[in-house]
Each structure stands twice: as C-alpha cells, then as structure tokens.
C-alpha cells in the first residue's frame, strides 16, 4: 500500500491521532463532565490537540529510538 520509507510518518500520524483522541476525551470529561454539549467540546479539544500531537509523535518517532539506543547498551 505505502512504501516502507513512509513508516515513521504513518506510525506517528496514527499514534498522534489515537492518543490525542483518547486523551482529549478523557480530559474534557474530567474538566467539564459528560453534560450536554460534551461531544462538541471534545471534538474542539481534539482538533486543537491533534495539531500538536501529530507533529510531536512524528518527531518522536525519529528521536526516541536514538535516545533508547543511547540508554540501553547491549
């Protein structure tokens, strides 16, 4: 489907999307409750958090393995 060279970008995009979706829902529910208008507040929070989470997750996909290799010696 996709060339393997795009794997870090695809993985970061999926991880950022999933994590921002779940965490924005949890934090919105915690801060405002599951009252009327919850879905609108959640989707607004998700849109904002997605814009930050995806680039950070993509960048982390390149940076974190290097940090792990530095910290773990075989």
N, C-alpha and C. Protein backbone atom coordinates (compact mmCIF):
# COMPACT_ATOMS: atom_id res chain seq x y z
N UNK A 1 0.83 -1.19 0.00
CA UNK A 1 0.00 0.00 0.00
C UNK A 1 0.88 1.25 0.00
N UNK A 2 1.75 1.39 1.01
CA UNK A 2 2.69 2.51 1.09
C UNK A 2 4.11 1.97 1.08
N UNK A 3 5.01 2.77 0.60
CA UNK A 3 6.42 2.43 0.64
C UNK A 3 6.89 2.44 2.10
N UNK A 4 7.78 1.52 2.45
CA UNK A 4 8.22 1.40 3.84
C UNK A 4 8.97 2.64 4.34
N UNK A 5 9.46 3.47 3.44
CA UNK A 5 10.16 4.68 3.89
C UNK A 5 9.21 5.66 4.57
N UNK A 6 7.90 5.48 4.36
CA UNK A 6 6.91 6.35 5.00
C UNK A 6 6.45 5.82 6.36
N UNK A 7 6.97 4.68 6.78
CA UNK A 7 6.52 4.05 8.03
C UNK A 7 6.61 4.98 9.24
N UNK A 8 7.71 5.73 9.46
CA UNK A 8 7.74 6.61 10.63
C UNK A 8 6.67 7.70 10.60
N UNK A 9 6.37 8.21 9.43
CA UNK A 9 5.34 9.25 9.31
C UNK A 9 3.94 8.67 9.55
N UNK A 10 3.70 7.48 9.00
CA UNK A 10 2.40 6.84 9.18
C UNK A 10 2.21 6.44 10.63
N UNK A 11 3.24 5.84 11.23
CA UNK A 11 3.15 5.44 12.64
C UNK A 11 2.93 6.65 13.54
N UNK A 12 3.66 7.73 13.31
CA UNK A 12 3.49 8.94 14.11
C UNK A 12 2.12 9.56 13.95
N UNK A 13 1.63 9.56 12.73
CA UNK A 13 0.29 10.12 12.48
C UNK A 13 -0.79 9.30 13.17
N UNK A 14 -0.69 7.98 13.06
CA UNK A 14 -1.68 7.12 13.72
C UNK A 14 -1.59 7.23 15.23
N UNK A 15 -0.38 7.22 15.78
CA UNK A 15 -0.22 7.31 17.23
C UNK A 15 -0.70 8.66 17.74
N UNK A 16 -0.32 9.74 17.05
CA UNK A 16 -0.76 11.07 17.47
C UNK A 16 -2.26 11.23 17.40
N UNK A 17 -2.87 10.67 16.35
CA UNK A 17 -4.32 10.75 16.20
C UNK A 17 -5.02 9.97 17.31
N UNK A 18 -4.58 8.74 17.54
CA UNK A 18 -5.20 7.91 18.57
C UNK A 18 -5.04 8.52 19.96
N UNK A 19 -3.83 8.90 20.30
CA UNK A 19 -3.58 9.44 21.64
C UNK A 19 -4.29 10.77 21.86
N UNK A 20 -4.28 11.65 20.87
CA UNK A 20 -4.96 12.94 21.05
C UNK A 20 -6.47 12.75 21.16
N UNK A 21 -7.02 11.77 20.43
CA UNK A 21 -8.45 11.50 20.51
C UNK A 21 -8.85 11.02 21.90
N UNK A 22 -8.13 10.01 22.39
CA UNK A 22 -8.45 9.44 23.70
C UNK A 22 -8.21 10.45 24.82
N UNK A 23 -7.04 11.07 24.83
CA UNK A 23 -6.69 11.96 25.94
C UNK A 23 -7.55 13.23 25.95
N UNK A 24 -7.88 13.78 24.78
CA UNK A 24 -8.74 14.95 24.78
C UNK A 24 -10.13 14.61 25.31
N UNK A 25 -10.61 13.39 25.01
CA UNK A 25 -11.90 12.96 25.55
C UNK A 25 -11.86 12.79 27.06
N UNK A 26 -10.81 12.16 27.55
CA UNK A 26 -10.67 11.94 28.99
C UNK A 26 -10.57 13.28 29.73
N UNK A 27 -9.71 14.16 29.25
CA UNK A 27 -9.51 15.45 29.93
C UNK A 27 -10.75 16.34 29.82
N UNK A 28 -11.42 16.31 28.68
CA UNK A 28 -12.66 17.09 28.55
C UNK A 28 -13.72 16.58 29.51
N UNK A 29 -13.87 15.26 29.61
CA UNK A 29 -14.84 14.69 30.54
C UNK A 29 -14.48 15.02 31.98
N UNK A 30 -13.22 14.96 32.31
CA UNK A 30 -12.78 15.26 33.67
C UNK A 30 -13.03 16.73 34.02
N UNK A 31 -12.71 17.62 33.11
CA UNK A 31 -12.83 19.05 33.39
C UNK A 31 -14.24 19.60 33.28
N UNK A 32 -15.05 19.07 32.38
CA UNK A 32 -16.38 19.66 32.15
C UNK A 32 -17.52 18.70 32.41
N UNK A 33 -17.22 17.43 32.61
CA UNK A 33 -18.27 16.44 32.83
C UNK A 33 -18.90 15.99 31.52
N UNK A 34 -19.72 14.97 31.62
CA UNK A 34 -20.38 14.40 30.44
C UNK A 34 -21.76 15.03 30.26
N UNK A 35 -21.81 16.33 30.33
CA UNK A 35 -23.08 17.04 30.23
C UNK A 35 -23.41 17.37 28.78
N UNK A 36 -24.52 18.07 28.60
CA UNK A 36 -24.96 18.48 27.28
C UNK A 36 -23.84 19.29 26.60
N UNK A 37 -23.57 18.98 25.36
CA UNK A 37 -22.52 19.67 24.63
C UNK A 37 -21.14 19.05 24.76
N UNK A 38 -21.08 17.89 25.44
CA UNK A 38 -19.79 17.24 25.64
C UNK A 38 -19.10 16.90 24.32
N UNK A 39 -19.84 16.34 23.38
CA UNK A 39 -19.23 15.92 22.11
C UNK A 39 -18.64 17.12 21.36
N UNK A 40 -19.32 18.23 21.36
CA UNK A 40 -18.79 19.43 20.70
C UNK A 40 -17.51 19.93 21.36
N UNK A 41 -17.51 19.96 22.70
CA UNK A 41 -16.31 20.38 23.43
C UNK A 41 -15.16 19.41 23.17
N UNK A 42 -15.48 18.11 23.17
CA UNK A 42 -14.46 17.10 22.93
C UNK A 42 -13.87 17.24 21.53
N UNK A 43 -14.71 17.39 20.53
CA UNK A 43 -14.21 17.49 19.16
C UNK A 43 -13.38 18.76 18.96
N UNK A 44 -13.76 19.84 19.63
CA UNK A 44 -12.97 21.07 19.57
C UNK A 44 -11.61 20.88 20.22
N UNK A 45 -11.61 20.21 21.37
CA UNK A 45 -10.34 19.93 22.06
C UNK A 45 -9.49 18.97 21.25
N UNK A 46 -10.13 18.00 20.61
CA UNK A 46 -9.38 17.04 19.80
C UNK A 46 -8.74 17.72 18.59
N UNK A 47 -9.47 18.58 17.93
CA UNK A 47 -8.92 19.28 16.76
C UNK A 47 -7.67 20.07 17.15
N UNK A 48 -7.73 20.76 18.28
CA UNK A 48 -6.59 21.54 18.73
C UNK A 48 -5.43 20.64 19.13
N UNK A 49 -5.72 19.59 19.89
CA UNK A 49 -4.65 18.71 20.36
C UNK A 49 -4.05 17.91 19.21
N UNK A 50 -4.84 17.57 18.20
CA UNK A 50 -4.33 16.83 17.06
C UNK A 50 -3.26 17.63 16.33
N UNK A 51 -3.47 18.93 16.21
CA UNK A 51 -2.49 19.78 15.53
C UNK A 51 -1.13 19.78 16.22
N UNK A 52 -1.13 19.56 17.51
CA UNK A 52 0.12 19.48 18.26
C UNK A 52 0.65 18.05 18.36
N UNK A 53 -0.25 17.10 18.55
CA UNK A 53 0.16 15.72 18.83
C UNK A 53 0.80 15.05 17.63
N UNK A 54 0.25 15.23 16.45
CA UNK A 54 0.77 14.51 15.29
C UNK A 54 2.21 14.93 14.96
N UNK A 55 2.52 16.22 14.84
CA UNK A 55 3.92 16.56 14.57
C UNK A 55 4.87 16.11 15.68
N UNK A 56 4.43 16.18 16.93
CA UNK A 56 5.27 15.71 18.02
C UNK A 56 5.49 14.20 17.98
N UNK A 57 4.43 13.45 17.64
CA UNK A 57 4.57 12.00 17.54
C UNK A 57 5.46 11.61 16.37
N UNK A 58 5.35 12.31 15.26
CA UNK A 58 6.22 12.02 14.12
C UNK A 58 7.68 12.33 14.48
N UNK A 59 7.91 13.47 15.09
CA UNK A 59 9.27 13.83 15.51
C UNK A 59 9.79 12.82 16.54
N UNK A 60 8.93 12.44 17.46
CA UNK A 60 9.32 11.46 18.47
C UNK A 60 9.69 10.12 17.87
N UNK A 61 9.06 9.77 16.75
CA UNK A 61 9.37 8.53 16.07
C UNK A 61 10.80 8.49 15.55
N UNK A 62 11.38 9.64 15.33
CA UNK A 62 12.76 9.70 14.89
C UNK A 62 13.73 9.87 16.07
N UNK A 63 13.30 10.61 17.08
CA UNK A 63 14.18 10.96 18.19
C UNK A 63 14.23 9.88 19.27
N UNK A 64 13.09 9.34 19.64
CA UNK A 64 13.02 8.39 20.76
C UNK A 64 13.88 7.15 20.53
N UNK A 65 13.88 6.52 19.36
CA UNK A 65 14.76 5.35 19.19
C UNK A 65 16.24 5.67 19.41
N UNK A 66 16.66 6.87 19.04
CA UNK A 66 18.06 7.26 19.27
C UNK A 66 18.34 7.38 20.76
N UNK A 67 17.40 7.94 21.50
CA UNK A 67 17.55 8.06 22.95
C UNK A 67 17.60 6.68 23.59
N UNK A 68 16.71 5.79 23.14
CA UNK A 68 16.68 4.43 23.68
C UNK A 68 17.99 3.71 23.40
N UNK A 69 18.53 3.83 22.17
CA UNK A 69 19.81 3.20 21.85
C UNK A 69 20.92 3.74 22.74
N UNK A 70 20.85 5.02 23.08
CA UNK A 70 21.86 5.62 23.97
C UNK A 70 21.75 5.07 25.38
N UNK A 71 20.50 4.91 25.85
CA UNK A 71 20.27 4.48 27.23
C UNK A 71 20.45 2.97 27.43
N UNK A 72 20.20 2.20 26.39
CA UNK A 72 20.27 0.74 26.51
C UNK A 72 21.49 0.26 25.77
N UNK A 73 22.38 -0.33 26.50
CA UNK A 73 23.60 -0.86 25.89
C UNK A 73 23.58 -2.37 25.99
N UNK A 74 23.93 -3.03 24.92
CA UNK A 74 23.92 -4.50 24.94
C UNK A 74 25.32 -5.05 25.11
